[in-house]
Amino acid sequence: MCGTNKQLSTEMKNEKAENLHEYSTKQIVQLMNEEDKKVALIVEEALPQIEKAIVSTVRAVEGGHRVIYFGAGTSGRLGVLDASECPPTFGVSTDLFQGVIAGGDRALRHAIEDAEDSEASGAKDVMRYVHPGDVVIGIAASGYTPYVLGAMKQARKTGNETIGISCNGGTELSNLVDFPIELIVGSEILTGSTRLKAGTSQKMVLNMISTATMIQTGKVYKNLMVNVQATNKKLRNRSIEIIKDIADVDEDTARKVNEEADGDVKVSILVLLLGISVDQAKVKLEDCKGNIAKALSV
């Protein structure tokens, strides 16, 4: 079982679902909902470990480095999903957060189950995608997926800080990494189907890691996505609403300044709040590495 003889809680039978095939639709969704209610509380128990992991990712991003997720199957897809959402949400490079899945991009749509069985492939992908200073995050519900273990071992060899997200206790993944996060969600209603509670808990933690990192590195001001890239009508309108909200100006003023700033929301806000030129705002923002909160305070 995943390279270990240890009985994993994620692989055990859920007694409440013993005769699941006999349940009505209502009974199925009620049981799923009942089980899912537990997940947020389990994630809450891991908040101290999640916080330590985020300190690491913030330090990396502030130092000009990146965050790279490694996983197989559902865990790999979740990593790719979270990384893929960072550019449109926070206006960052597609390079900053990356998701690497065992079996490559084809595995996003097609199950390549044996891809997870090779430690060598995980190590090879680290050598391919990871640079010095990057933080490497291994995601594996079991905590024993060979591909992920191989990636973490290689990352340790190259001196990269490592984070592990698993759904069992005392796993090999946890023992390998600098910052282990264990989400003990227990058995699934479909025995071994970790796309359910385990996947939900992993997604919640990935949301925390990427969102908190972006907030701490200045991609958010107040609770607004000031680094948004206005690539369509909806986002252009959102940009104007953000400028109006923060700078307390009318729509005409917000649009005029935003045009002068070539659509840069943060530059527009600095111009309006500090009474400086667009060029001065750009220099100030560059000096503060794009962190608008710092730019407003110096």
C-alpha atoms as a PDB file:
ATOM      1  CA  MET A   1       0.000   0.000   0.000  1.00  0.00           C
ATOM      2  CA  CYS A   2       1.798   3.078  -1.282  1.00  0.00           C
ATOM      3  CA  GLY A   3       5.111   1.492  -0.429  1.00  0.00           C
ATOM      4  CA  THR A   4       4.272   0.924   3.260  1.00  0.00           C
ATOM      5  CA  ASN A   5       2.716  -1.813   5.350  1.00  0.00           C
ATOM      6  CA  LYS A   6       1.274   0.731   7.764  1.00  0.00           C
ATOM      7  CA  GLN A   7      -2.519   0.865   7.900  1.00  0.00           C
ATOM      8  CA  LEU A   8      -3.429   4.333   6.644  1.00  0.00           C
ATOM      9  CA  SER A   9      -6.552   6.067   7.883  1.00  0.00           C
ATOM     10  CA  THR A  10      -7.248   7.297   4.356  1.00  0.00           C
ATOM     11  CA  GLU A  11      -7.498   3.657   3.209  1.00  0.00           C
ATOM     12  CA  MET A  12      -9.734   2.355   5.984  1.00  0.00           C
ATOM     13  CA  LYS A  13     -13.441   1.589   5.612  1.00  0.00           C
ATOM     14  CA  ASN A  14     -15.954   4.133   6.833  1.00  0.00           C
ATOM     15  CA  GLU A  15     -18.451   2.199   8.928  1.00  0.00           C
ATOM     16  CA  LYS A  16     -21.189   4.753   8.271  1.00  0.00           C
ATOM     17  CA  ALA A  17     -21.002   3.901   4.562  1.00  0.00           C
ATOM     18  CA  GLU A  18     -20.837   0.119   4.854  1.00  0.00           C
ATOM     19  CA  ASN A  19     -23.919  -0.395   2.651  1.00  0.00           C
ATOM     20  CA  LEU A  20     -23.541   2.731   0.538  1.00  0.00           C
ATOM     21  CA  HIS A  21     -24.918   1.016  -2.569  1.00  0.00           C
ATOM     22  CA  GLU A  22     -28.297   0.740  -0.830  1.00  0.00           C
ATOM     23  CA  TYR A  23     -28.517   4.436   0.129  1.00  0.00           C
ATOM     24  CA  SER A  24     -30.963   6.829  -1.472  1.00  0.00           C
ATOM     25  CA  THR A  25     -29.610   9.947  -3.152  1.00  0.00           C
ATOM     26  CA  LYS A  26     -30.692  11.970  -0.133  1.00  0.00           C
ATOM     27  CA  GLN A  27     -28.873   9.644   2.242  1.00  0.00           C
ATOM     28  CA  ILE A  28     -25.695   9.765   0.119  1.00  0.00           C
ATOM     29  CA  VAL A  29     -25.498  13.543  -0.010  1.00  0.00           C
ATOM     30  CA  GLN A  30     -26.400  13.854   3.673  1.00  0.00           C
ATOM     31  CA  LEU A  31     -23.557  11.502   4.608  1.00  0.00           C
ATOM     32  CA  MET A  32     -21.113  13.308   2.338  1.00  0.00           C
ATOM     33  CA  ASN A  33     -22.126  16.632   3.850  1.00  0.00           C
ATOM     34  CA  GLU A  34     -21.781  15.224   7.368  1.00  0.00           C
ATOM     35  CA  GLU A  35     -18.265  14.006   6.596  1.00  0.00           C
ATOM     36  CA  ASP A  36     -17.260  17.237   4.854  1.00  0.00           C
ATOM     37  CA  LYS A  37     -18.271  19.281   7.902  1.00  0.00           C
ATOM     38  CA  LYS A  38     -15.333  17.735   9.746  1.00  0.00           C
ATOM     39  CA  VAL A  39     -12.733  18.965   7.291  1.00  0.00           C
ATOM     40  CA  ALA A  40     -12.517  22.626   8.317  1.00  0.00           C
ATOM     41  CA  LEU A  41     -12.053  21.654  11.966  1.00  0.00           C
ATOM     42  CA  ILE A  42      -9.262  19.259  11.022  1.00  0.00           C
ATOM     43  CA  VAL A  43      -7.555  21.996   9.004  1.00  0.00           C
ATOM     44  CA  GLU A  44      -7.937  24.298  12.021  1.00  0.00           C
ATOM     45  CA  GLU A  45      -5.886  21.869  14.099  1.00  0.00           C
ATOM     46  CA  ALA A  46      -3.059  22.188  11.572  1.00  0.00           C
ATOM     47  CA  LEU A  47      -2.996  26.014  11.473  1.00  0.00           C
ATOM     48  CA  PRO A  48       0.268  26.324  13.449  1.00  0.00           C
ATOM     49  CA  GLN A  49       2.019  24.076  10.910  1.00  0.00           C
ATOM     50  CA  ILE A  50       0.387  25.903   7.992  1.00  0.00           C
ATOM     51  CA  GLU A  51       1.591  29.230   9.374  1.00  0.00           C
ATOM     52  CA  LYS A  52       5.188  28.014   9.547  1.00  0.00           C
ATOM     53  CA  ALA A  53       4.965  26.812   5.954  1.00  0.00           C
ATOM     54  CA  ILE A  54       3.655  30.180   4.787  1.00  0.00           C
ATOM     55  CA  VAL A  55       6.531  32.005   6.496  1.00  0.00           C
ATOM     56  CA  SER A  56       8.781  29.918   4.254  1.00  0.00           C
ATOM     57  CA  THR A  57       6.871  30.672   1.034  1.00  0.00           C
ATOM     58  CA  VAL A  58       6.698  34.395   1.819  1.00  0.00           C
ATOM     59  CA  ARG A  59      10.433  34.488   2.461  1.00  0.00           C
ATOM     60  CA  ALA A  60      11.063  32.781  -0.863  1.00  0.00           C
ATOM     61  CA  VAL A  61       8.815  35.073  -2.897  1.00  0.00           C
ATOM     62  CA  GLU A  62      10.214  38.197  -1.237  1.00  0.00           C
ATOM     63  CA  GLY A  63      13.673  36.929  -2.146  1.00  0.00           C
ATOM     64  CA  GLY A  64      12.761  36.624  -5.815  1.00  0.00           C
ATOM     65  CA  HIS A  65      12.213  32.862  -5.723  1.00  0.00           C
ATOM     66  CA  ARG A  66       9.231  30.614  -6.443  1.00  0.00           C
ATOM     67  CA  VAL A  67       6.883  28.015  -4.990  1.00  0.00           C
ATOM     68  CA  ILE A  68       6.628  24.661  -6.782  1.00  0.00           C
ATOM     69  CA  TYR A  69       3.973  22.023  -6.011  1.00  0.00           C
ATOM     70  CA  PHE A  70       4.606  18.319  -6.684  1.00  0.00           C
ATOM     71  CA  GLY A  71       1.901  15.652  -6.573  1.00  0.00           C
ATOM     72  CA  ALA A  72       0.336  12.669  -8.318  1.00  0.00           C
ATOM     73  CA  GLY A  73      -3.286  11.988  -9.243  1.00  0.00           C
ATOM     74  CA  THR A  74      -5.791  14.130  -7.356  1.00  0.00           C
ATOM     75  CA  SER A  75      -3.057  15.732  -5.245  1.00  0.00           C
ATOM     76  CA  GLY A  76      -1.121  16.698  -8.357  1.00  0.00           C
ATOM     77  CA  ARG A  77      -4.210  18.138 -10.036  1.00  0.00           C
ATOM     78  CA  LEU A  78      -4.977  20.243  -6.977  1.00  0.00           C
ATOM     79  CA  GLY A  79      -1.462  21.668  -7.024  1.00  0.00           C
ATOM     80  CA  VAL A  80      -1.741  22.554 -10.707  1.00  0.00           C
ATOM     81  CA  LEU A  81      -5.167  24.114 -10.094  1.00  0.00           C
ATOM     82  CA  ASP A  82      -3.972  26.330  -7.258  1.00  0.00           C
ATOM     83  CA  ALA A  83      -0.873  27.445  -9.144  1.00  0.00           C
ATOM     84  CA  SER A  84      -2.916  28.147 -12.280  1.00  0.00           C
ATOM     85  CA  GLU A  85      -5.253  30.452 -10.375  1.00  0.00           C
ATOM     86  CA  CYS A  86      -2.483  32.716  -9.078  1.00  0.00           C
ATOM     87  CA  PRO A  87      -1.792  34.704 -12.278  1.00  0.00           C
ATOM     88  CA  PRO A  88      -5.417  35.754 -12.963  1.00  0.00           C
ATOM     89  CA  THR A  89      -6.163  36.383  -9.281  1.00  0.00           C
ATOM     90  CA  PHE A  90      -3.002  38.197  -8.257  1.00  0.00           C
ATOM     91  CA  GLY A  91      -1.512  39.384 -11.540  1.00  0.00           C
ATOM     92  CA  VAL A  92       1.732  37.478 -11.032  1.00  0.00           C
ATOM     93  CA  SER A  93       3.900  35.601 -13.479  1.00  0.00           C
ATOM     94  CA  THR A  94       2.906  32.056 -14.398  1.00  0.00           C
ATOM     95  CA  ASP A  95       6.387  31.176 -13.173  1.00  0.00           C
ATOM     96  CA  LEU A  96       5.862  32.266  -9.544  1.00  0.00           C
ATOM     97  CA  PHE A  97       3.639  29.388  -8.414  1.00  0.00           C
ATOM     98  CA  GLN A  98       3.924  26.197 -10.444  1.00  0.00           C
ATOM     99  CA  GLY A  99       2.229  22.828 -10.219  1.00  0.00           C
ATOM    100  CA  VAL A 100       4.029  19.695 -11.401  1.00  0.00           C
ATOM    101  CA  ILE A 101       2.059  16.462 -11.709  1.00  0.00           C
ATOM    102  CA  ALA A 102       3.419  12.945 -12.089  1.00  0.00           C
ATOM    103  CA  GLY A 103       2.988  11.884 -15.708  1.00  0.00           C
ATOM    104  CA  GLY A 104       3.046  15.459 -17.028  1.00  0.00           C
ATOM    105  CA  ASP A 105       0.177  17.577 -18.337  1.00  0.00           C
ATOM    106  CA  ARG A 106      -1.581  14.585 -19.900  1.00  0.00           C
ATOM    107  CA  ALA A 107      -2.208  13.340 -16.357  1.00  0.00           C
ATOM    108  CA  LEU A 108      -4.461  16.336 -15.719  1.00  0.00           C
ATOM    109  CA  ARG A 109      -7.194  14.795 -17.871  1.00  0.00           C
ATOM    110  CA  HIS A 110      -6.188  11.162 -18.098  1.00  0.00           C
ATOM    111  CA  ALA A 111      -5.379   8.824 -15.220  1.00  0.00           C
ATOM    112  CA  ILE A 112      -1.758   7.705 -15.448  1.00  0.00           C
ATOM    113  CA  GLU A 113      -1.786   5.737 -12.239  1.00  0.00           C
ATOM    114  CA  ASP A 114       1.663   4.152 -12.467  1.00  0.00           C
ATOM    115  CA  ALA A 115       3.301   7.573 -12.859  1.00  0.00           C
ATOM    116  CA  GLU A 116       3.187   8.001  -9.097  1.00  0.00           C
ATOM    117  CA  ASP A 117       5.266   4.878  -8.472  1.00  0.00           C
ATOM    118  CA  SER A 118       8.656   6.257  -9.488  1.00  0.00           C
ATOM    119  CA  GLU A 119      10.854   8.130  -7.019  1.00  0.00           C
ATOM    120  CA  ALA A 120      13.327   8.677  -9.842  1.00  0.00           C
ATOM    121  CA  SER A 121      10.710  10.588 -11.848  1.00  0.00           C
ATOM    122  CA  GLY A 122      10.026  12.876  -8.895  1.00  0.00           C
ATOM    123  CA  ALA A 123      13.729  13.569  -8.472  1.00  0.00           C
ATOM    124  CA  LYS A 124      14.115  14.193 -12.211  1.00  0.00           C
ATOM    125  CA  ASP A 125      11.237  16.686 -12.225  1.00  0.00           C
ATOM    126  CA  VAL A 126      12.792  18.602  -9.334  1.00  0.00           C
ATOM    127  CA  MET A 127      16.017  18.886 -11.292  1.00  0.00           C
ATOM    128  CA  ARG A 128      13.985  20.108 -14.276  1.00  0.00           C
ATOM    129  CA  TYR A 129      11.716  22.655 -12.595  1.00  0.00           C
ATOM    130  CA  VAL A 130      13.278  23.790  -9.312  1.00  0.00           C
ATOM    131  CA  HIS A 131      15.855  26.553  -8.932  1.00  0.00           C
ATOM    132  CA  PRO A 132      18.004  27.422  -5.895  1.00  0.00           C
ATOM    133  CA  GLY A 133      15.936  29.287  -3.317  1.00  0.00           C
ATOM    134  CA  ASP A 134      12.570  27.916  -4.458  1.00  0.00           C
ATOM    135  CA  VAL A 135      10.254  26.305  -1.909  1.00  0.00           C
ATOM    136  CA  VAL A 136       9.155  22.799  -2.872  1.00  0.00           C
ATOM    137  CA  ILE A 137       5.767  21.516  -1.674  1.00  0.00           C
ATOM    138  CA  GLY A 138       4.910  17.824  -1.829  1.00  0.00           C
ATOM    139  CA  ILE A 139       1.214  16.918  -1.795  1.00  0.00           C
ATOM    140  CA  ALA A 140       0.283  13.292  -1.092  1.00  0.00           C
ATOM    141  CA  ALA A 141      -2.849  12.156   0.727  1.00  0.00           C
ATOM    142  CA  SER A 142      -1.196   8.906   1.831  1.00  0.00           C
ATOM    143  CA  GLY A 143       2.102  10.563   2.718  1.00  0.00           C
ATOM    144  CA  TYR A 144       3.946   7.712   0.982  1.00  0.00           C
ATOM    145  CA  THR A 145       3.569   8.393  -2.764  1.00  0.00           C
ATOM    146  CA  PRO A 146       6.951   7.456  -4.296  1.00  0.00           C
ATOM    147  CA  TYR A 147       6.932  10.231  -6.906  1.00  0.00           C
ATOM    148  CA  VAL A 148       6.447  12.864  -4.201  1.00  0.00           C
ATOM    149  CA  LEU A 149       8.984  11.277  -1.875  1.00  0.00           C
ATOM    150  CA  GLY A 150      11.541  11.264  -4.685  1.00  0.00           C
ATOM    151  CA  ALA A 151      10.874  14.925  -5.324  1.00  0.00           C
ATOM    152  CA  MET A 152      11.310  15.833  -1.656  1.00  0.00           C
ATOM    153  CA  LYS A 153      14.505  13.836  -1.314  1.00  0.00           C
ATOM    154  CA  GLN A 154      15.994  15.588  -4.330  1.00  0.00           C
ATOM    155  CA  ALA A 155      14.875  18.995  -3.052  1.00  0.00           C
ATOM    156  CA  ARG A 156      16.632  18.312   0.239  1.00  0.00           C
ATOM    157  CA  LYS A 157      19.810  17.391  -1.620  1.00  0.00           C
ATOM    158  CA  THR A 158      19.748  20.707  -3.459  1.00  0.00           C
ATOM    159  CA  GLY A 159      19.132  22.686  -0.261  1.00  0.00           C
ATOM    160  CA  ASN A 160      15.591  23.859  -1.035  1.00  0.00           C
ATOM    161  CA  GLU A 161      13.140  24.320   1.815  1.00  0.00           C
ATOM    162  CA  THR A 162      10.382  21.711   1.716  1.00  0.00           C
ATOM    163  CA  ILE A 163       6.753  21.487   2.817  1.00  0.00           C
ATOM    164  CA  GLY A 164       4.671  18.309   2.924  1.00  0.00           C
ATOM    165  CA  ILE A 165       0.863  18.088   2.884  1.00  0.00           C
ATOM    166  CA  SER A 166      -0.542  14.666   3.768  1.00  0.00           C
ATOM    167  CA  CYS A 167      -3.696  13.206   5.314  1.00  0.00           C
ATOM    168  CA  ASN A 168      -2.181  10.607   7.637  1.00  0.00           C
ATOM    169  CA  GLY A 169      -0.049  10.897  10.747  1.00  0.00           C
ATOM    170  CA  GLY A 170       3.677  10.276  11.042  1.00  0.00           C
ATOM    171  CA  THR A 171       4.178   9.644   7.352  1.00  0.00           C
ATOM    172  CA  GLU A 172       7.426   9.325   5.436  1.00  0.00           C
ATOM    173  CA  LEU A 173       6.611  12.587   3.683  1.00  0.00           C
ATOM    174  CA  SER A 174       6.295  14.384   7.026  1.00  0.00           C
ATOM    175  CA  ASN A 175       9.612  12.947   8.175  1.00  0.00           C
ATOM    176  CA  LEU A 176      11.356  14.136   5.009  1.00  0.00           C
ATOM    177  CA  VAL A 177      10.295  17.787   4.896  1.00  0.00           C
ATOM    178  CA  ASP A 178      11.124  20.942   6.832  1.00  0.00           C
ATOM    179  CA  PHE A 179       7.480  21.884   7.377  1.00  0.00           C
ATOM    180  CA  PRO A 180       5.037  18.953   7.613  1.00  0.00           C
ATOM    181  CA  ILE A 181       1.290  19.611   7.465  1.00  0.00           C
ATOM    182  CA  GLU A 182      -0.858  16.629   8.457  1.00  0.00           C
ATOM    183  CA  LEU A 183      -4.616  16.709   7.873  1.00  0.00           C
ATOM    184  CA  ILE A 184      -6.036  13.599   9.541  1.00  0.00           C
ATOM    185  CA  VAL A 185      -9.433  13.478   7.844  1.00  0.00           C
ATOM    186  CA  GLY A 186      -9.950   9.747   8.369  1.00  0.00           C
ATOM    187  CA  SER A 187     -11.705   7.249   6.147  1.00  0.00           C
ATOM    188  CA  GLU A 188     -13.671   8.236   3.053  1.00  0.00           C
ATOM    189  CA  ILE A 189     -17.245   7.118   2.336  1.00  0.00           C
ATOM    190  CA  LEU A 190     -15.774   5.470  -0.777  1.00  0.00           C
ATOM    191  CA  THR A 191     -12.915   3.473   0.665  1.00  0.00           C
ATOM    192  CA  GLY A 192      -9.613   4.932  -0.491  1.00  0.00           C
ATOM    193  CA  SER A 193     -11.160   7.671  -2.657  1.00  0.00           C
ATOM    194  CA  THR A 194      -9.004  10.555  -1.474  1.00  0.00           C
ATOM    195  CA  ARG A 195     -10.548  12.938  -3.998  1.00  0.00           C
ATOM    196  CA  LEU A 196     -13.205  13.448  -1.288  1.00  0.00           C
ATOM    197  CA  LYS A 197     -12.354  14.685   2.235  1.00  0.00           C
ATOM    198  CA  ALA A 198      -8.613  14.388   1.742  1.00  0.00           C
ATOM    199  CA  GLY A 199      -8.739  16.386  -1.480  1.00  0.00           C
ATOM    200  CA  THR A 200     -10.990  19.001   0.108  1.00  0.00           C
ATOM    201  CA  SER A 201      -8.609  19.471   3.027  1.00  0.00           C
ATOM    202  CA  GLN A 202      -5.612  19.750   0.694  1.00  0.00           C
ATOM    203  CA  LYS A 203      -7.370  22.358  -1.434  1.00  0.00           C
ATOM    204  CA  MET A 204      -8.197  24.398   1.658  1.00  0.00           C
ATOM    205  CA  VAL A 205      -4.553  24.417   2.710  1.00  0.00           C
ATOM    206  CA  LEU A 206      -3.313  25.288  -0.781  1.00  0.00           C
ATOM    207  CA  ASN A 207      -5.779  28.198  -0.800  1.00  0.00           C
ATOM    208  CA  MET A 208      -4.244  29.395   2.456  1.00  0.00           C
ATOM    209  CA  ILE A 209      -0.657  29.043   1.290  1.00  0.00           C
ATOM    210  CA  SER A 210      -1.039  30.876  -2.019  1.00  0.00           C
ATOM    211  CA  THR A 211      -3.481  33.541  -0.792  1.00  0.00           C
ATOM    212  CA  ALA A 212      -1.609  34.391   2.403  1.00  0.00           C
ATOM    213  CA  THR A 213       1.687  34.496   0.495  1.00  0.00           C
ATOM    214  CA  MET A 214       0.256  36.916  -2.038  1.00  0.00           C
ATOM    215  CA  ILE A 215      -1.236  39.107   0.698  1.00  0.00           C
ATOM    216  CA  GLN A 216       2.012  39.190   2.659  1.00  0.00           C
ATOM    217  CA  THR A 217       4.022  40.100  -0.441  1.00  0.00           C
ATOM    218  CA  GLY A 218       1.865  43.081  -1.400  1.00  0.00           C
ATOM    219  CA  LYS A 219      -0.423  41.678  -4.076  1.00  0.00           C
ATOM    220  CA  VAL A 220      -3.456  42.672  -1.984  1.00  0.00           C
ATOM    221  CA  TYR A 221      -4.357  45.967  -0.315  1.00  0.00           C
ATOM    222  CA  LYS A 222      -7.137  45.998   2.258  1.00  0.00           C
ATOM    223  CA  ASN A 223      -9.042  42.990   0.903  1.00  0.00           C
ATOM    224  CA  LEU A 224      -8.825  44.013  -2.738  1.00  0.00           C
ATOM    225  CA  MET A 225      -6.876  42.418  -5.600  1.00  0.00           C
ATOM    226  CA  VAL A 226      -4.838  45.497  -6.490  1.00  0.00           C
ATOM    227  CA  ASN A 227      -2.449  43.489  -8.650  1.00  0.00           C
ATOM    228  CA  VAL A 228      -5.235  42.370 -10.979  1.00  0.00           C
ATOM    229  CA  GLN A 229      -4.373  42.390 -14.677  1.00  0.00           C
ATOM    230  CA  ALA A 230      -7.321  43.847 -16.605  1.00  0.00           C
ATOM    231  CA  THR A 231      -7.390  41.423 -19.518  1.00  0.00           C
ATOM    232  CA  ASN A 232     -11.153  41.471 -20.134  1.00  0.00           C
ATOM    233  CA  LYS A 233     -14.164  43.718 -19.605  1.00  0.00           C
ATOM    234  CA  LYS A 234     -15.049  42.245 -16.206  1.00  0.00           C
ATOM    235  CA  LEU A 235     -11.526  42.785 -14.896  1.00  0.00           C
ATOM    236  CA  ARG A 236     -11.281  46.286 -16.361  1.00  0.00           C
ATOM    237  CA  ASN A 237     -14.457  47.219 -14.513  1.00  0.00           C
ATOM    238  CA  ARG A 238     -13.142  45.580 -11.351  1.00  0.00           C
ATOM    239  CA  SER A 239      -9.953  47.629 -11.645  1.00  0.00           C
ATOM    240  CA  ILE A 240     -11.926  50.856 -11.742  1.00  0.00           C
ATOM    241  CA  GLU A 241     -14.042  49.806  -8.752  1.00  0.00           C
ATOM    242  CA  ILE A 242     -10.870  49.024  -6.778  1.00  0.00           C
ATOM    243  CA  ILE A 243      -9.391  52.445  -7.554  1.00  0.00           C
ATOM    244  CA  LYS A 244     -12.669  54.177  -6.635  1.00  0.00           C
ATOM    245  CA  ASP A 245     -12.869  52.277  -3.359  1.00  0.00           C
ATOM    246  CA  ILE A 246      -9.301  52.836  -2.155  1.00  0.00           C
ATOM    247  CA  ALA A 247      -8.749  56.373  -3.449  1.00  0.00           C
ATOM    248  CA  ASP A 248     -12.343  57.502  -2.756  1.00  0.00           C
ATOM    249  CA  VAL A 249     -12.825  59.108  -6.173  1.00  0.00           C
ATOM    250  CA  ASP A 250     -15.597  59.066  -8.759  1.00  0.00           C
ATOM    251  CA  GLU A 251     -15.606  56.791 -11.785  1.00  0.00           C
ATOM    252  CA  ASP A 252     -14.500  59.418 -14.300  1.00  0.00           C
ATOM    253  CA  THR A 253     -11.453  60.296 -12.197  1.00  0.00           C
ATOM    254  CA  ALA A 254     -10.584  56.649 -11.667  1.00  0.00           C
ATOM    255  CA  ARG A 255     -10.794  55.866 -15.389  1.00  0.00           C
ATOM    256  CA  LYS A 256      -8.777  58.916 -16.402  1.00  0.00           C
ATOM    257  CA  VAL A 257      -5.914  58.191 -14.028  1.00  0.00           C
ATOM    258  CA  ASN A 258      -5.977  54.479 -14.836  1.00  0.00           C
ATOM    259  CA  GLU A 259      -5.604  55.271 -18.548  1.00  0.00           C
ATOM    260  CA  GLU A 260      -2.640  57.537 -17.771  1.00  0.00           C
ATOM    261  CA  ALA A 261      -1.134  54.692 -15.723  1.00  0.00           C
ATOM    262  CA  ASP A 262      -1.518  52.238 -18.621  1.00  0.00           C
ATOM    263  CA  GLY A 263      -4.070  50.237 -16.661  1.00  0.00           C
ATOM    264  CA  ASP A 264      -1.852  49.704 -13.608  1.00  0.00           C
ATOM    265  CA  VAL A 265      -4.163  49.749 -10.587  1.00  0.00           C
ATOM    266  CA  LYS A 266      -1.428  50.204  -7.992  1.00  0.00           C
ATOM    267  CA  VAL A 267       0.171  53.090  -9.854  1.00  0.00           C
ATOM    268  CA  SER A 268      -3.249  54.717 -10.217  1.00  0.00           C
ATOM    269  CA  ILE A 269      -3.874  54.452  -6.484  1.00  0.00           C
ATOM    270  CA  LEU A 270      -0.475  55.936  -5.603  1.00  0.00           C
ATOM    271  CA  VAL A 271      -1.049  58.850  -7.981  1.00  0.00           C
ATOM    272  CA  LEU A 272      -4.408  59.634  -6.403  1.00  0.00           C
ATOM    273  CA  LEU A 273      -3.506  59.089  -2.749  1.00  0.00           C
ATOM    274  CA  LEU A 274      -0.050  60.679  -2.772  1.00  0.00           C
ATOM    275  CA  GLY A 275      -0.605  63.388  -5.383  1.00  0.00           C
ATOM    276  CA  ILE A 276       2.419  62.335  -7.424  1.00  0.00           C
ATOM    277  CA  SER A 277       2.979  61.748 -11.127  1.00  0.00           C
ATOM    278  CA  VAL A 278       2.626  58.408 -12.868  1.00  0.00           C
ATOM    279  CA  ASP A 279       6.389  58.190 -13.337  1.00  0.00           C
ATOM    280  CA  GLN A 280       7.016  58.956  -9.672  1.00  0.00           C
ATOM    281  CA  ALA A 281       4.469  56.331  -8.666  1.00  0.00           C
ATOM    282  CA  LYS A 282       6.147  53.721 -10.861  1.00  0.00           C
ATOM    283  CA  VAL A 283       9.560  54.446  -9.312  1.00  0.00           C
ATOM    284  CA  LYS A 284       8.167  54.305  -5.780  1.00  0.00           C
ATOM    285  CA  LEU A 285       6.431  51.030  -6.482  1.00  0.00           C
ATOM    286  CA  GLU A 286       9.555  49.551  -8.040  1.00  0.00           C
ATOM    287  CA  ASP A 287      11.631  50.611  -5.020  1.00  0.00           C
ATOM    288  CA  CYS A 288       9.146  48.756  -2.800  1.00  0.00           C
ATOM    289  CA  LYS A 289       9.215  45.627  -5.009  1.00  0.00           C
ATOM    290  CA  GLY A 290       5.597  46.141  -6.032  1.00  0.00           C
ATOM    291  CA  ASN A 291       4.277  46.214  -2.456  1.00  0.00           C
ATOM    292  CA  ILE A 292       1.693  48.989  -2.435  1.00  0.00           C
ATOM    293  CA  ALA A 293       1.320  48.992   1.353  1.00  0.00           C
ATOM    294  CA  LYS A 294       5.031  49.720   1.704  1.00  0.00           C
ATOM    295  CA  ALA A 295       4.888  52.314  -1.070  1.00  0.00           C
ATOM    296  CA  LEU A 296       2.116  54.160   0.745  1.00  0.00           C
ATOM    297  CA  SER A 297       3.996  54.138   4.041  1.00  0.00           C
ATOM    298  CA  VAL A 298       7.366  55.528   2.881  1.00  0.00           C
END
